Structure formats: structure tokens, C-alpha cells
Amino acid sequence: MAVVQQFAEALRELHQSNPWSDVPLLSRAMNHLMTELWDYGFSQTEIREAFNDAVADMPRYAAGSEVRA
């Protein structure tokens, strides 16, 4: 989980100073993560279910807030 936290922190830093304003950073990063997972042997089904499960759990975690304050 520490690696995931470091990944999120690095993405936040890039998002705050995104030198590629025409590139949707988070979408691009999630797409690249998905392809890396597939390259490292995770199945399409495993990846899709993991992303879908995470998105489905977001309302519970965020408690109705769009952004963490």
C-alpha cells in the first residue's frame, strides 16, 4: 500500500504543476497503469473488475464530497 500512496503523491505533484496542460494527466496515468498491469500478467477481467470495484466504492469513501478538503 505504501507504493500506491507514493504513486498517488507523485500524480498529485504532477497534477499541480502539469507541464502538459493539453494532456488529461489522471486519465493518461490510469491508462498507463492499466497497460502496465496487463503487461505484468494481470488479466483484462482482473484489471476491469479492480477498477470497477474501486469506482463503485468511491461514494462510501468520499462520503458525498467531490474533492477532499
Protein backbone atom coordinates (compact mmCIF):
# COMPACT_ATOMS: atom_id res chain seq x y z
CA MET A 1 0.00 0.00 0.00
CA ALA A 2 2.96 2.32 0.56
CA VAL A 3 3.83 2.07 -3.13
CA VAL A 4 0.26 3.01 -4.08
CA GLN A 5 0.44 6.00 -1.72
CA GLN A 6 3.74 7.12 -3.30
CA PHE A 7 2.18 6.75 -6.77
CA ALA A 8 -0.79 8.91 -5.75
CA GLU A 9 1.52 11.53 -4.24
CA ALA A 10 3.63 11.65 -7.41
CA LEU A 11 0.47 12.05 -9.52
CA ARG A 12 -0.75 14.86 -7.27
CA GLU A 13 2.55 16.70 -7.68
CA LEU A 14 2.39 16.28 -11.45
CA HIS A 15 -1.25 17.38 -11.48
CA GLN A 16 -0.41 20.55 -9.55
CA SER A 17 2.38 21.51 -11.92
CA ASN A 18 1.23 19.71 -15.07
CA PRO A 19 3.59 20.89 -17.82
CA TRP A 20 1.31 19.27 -20.40
CA SER A 21 -1.89 21.26 -19.90
CA ASP A 22 -3.42 19.68 -23.01
CA VAL A 23 -2.98 16.15 -21.59
CA PRO A 24 -5.52 14.90 -19.03
CA LEU A 25 -2.92 13.67 -16.55
CA LEU A 26 -5.04 11.35 -14.41
CA SER A 27 -6.72 9.66 -17.39
CA ARG A 28 -3.36 9.17 -19.06
CA ALA A 29 -1.82 7.77 -15.85
CA MET A 30 -4.70 5.34 -15.27
CA ASN A 31 -4.46 4.15 -18.86
CA HIS A 32 -0.72 3.60 -18.50
CA LEU A 33 -1.24 1.80 -15.18
CA MET A 34 -3.79 -0.47 -16.85
CA THR A 35 -1.38 -1.38 -19.66
CA GLU A 36 1.45 -1.99 -17.18
CA LEU A 37 -0.77 -4.30 -15.12
CA TRP A 38 -1.68 -6.22 -18.27
CA ASP A 39 2.00 -6.40 -19.30
CA TYR A 40 2.82 -7.86 -15.88
CA GLY A 41 0.32 -10.69 -16.21
CA PHE A 42 -2.94 -9.42 -14.77
CA SER A 43 -5.92 -10.42 -16.90
CA GLN A 44 -8.24 -7.94 -18.56
CA THR A 45 -11.02 -9.23 -16.31
CA GLU A 46 -8.95 -8.73 -13.15
CA ILE A 47 -8.00 -5.20 -14.16
CA ARG A 48 -11.53 -4.22 -15.20
CA GLU A 49 -13.07 -5.64 -12.02
CA ALA A 50 -10.48 -3.89 -9.84
CA PHE A 51 -11.11 -0.51 -11.48
CA ASN A 52 -14.91 -1.01 -11.39
CA ASP A 53 -14.83 -2.10 -7.74
CA ALA A 54 -12.71 0.91 -6.78
CA VAL A 55 -15.03 3.35 -8.56
CA ALA A 56 -18.09 1.71 -7.02
CA ASP A 57 -16.58 2.13 -3.53
CA MET A 58 -15.72 5.81 -4.03
CA PRO A 59 -19.03 7.26 -2.72
CA ARG A 60 -18.62 5.40 0.59
CA TYR A 61 -15.04 6.58 1.00
CA ALA A 62 -15.69 10.17 -0.10
CA ALA A 63 -18.93 10.49 1.90
CA GLY A 64 -20.54 12.64 -0.78
CA SER A 65 -17.63 15.06 -1.21
CA GLU A 66 -16.34 15.65 -4.74
CA VAL A 67 -12.83 16.62 -3.55
CA ARG A 68 -11.01 16.09 -0.26
CA ALA A 69 -10.79 19.43 1.53
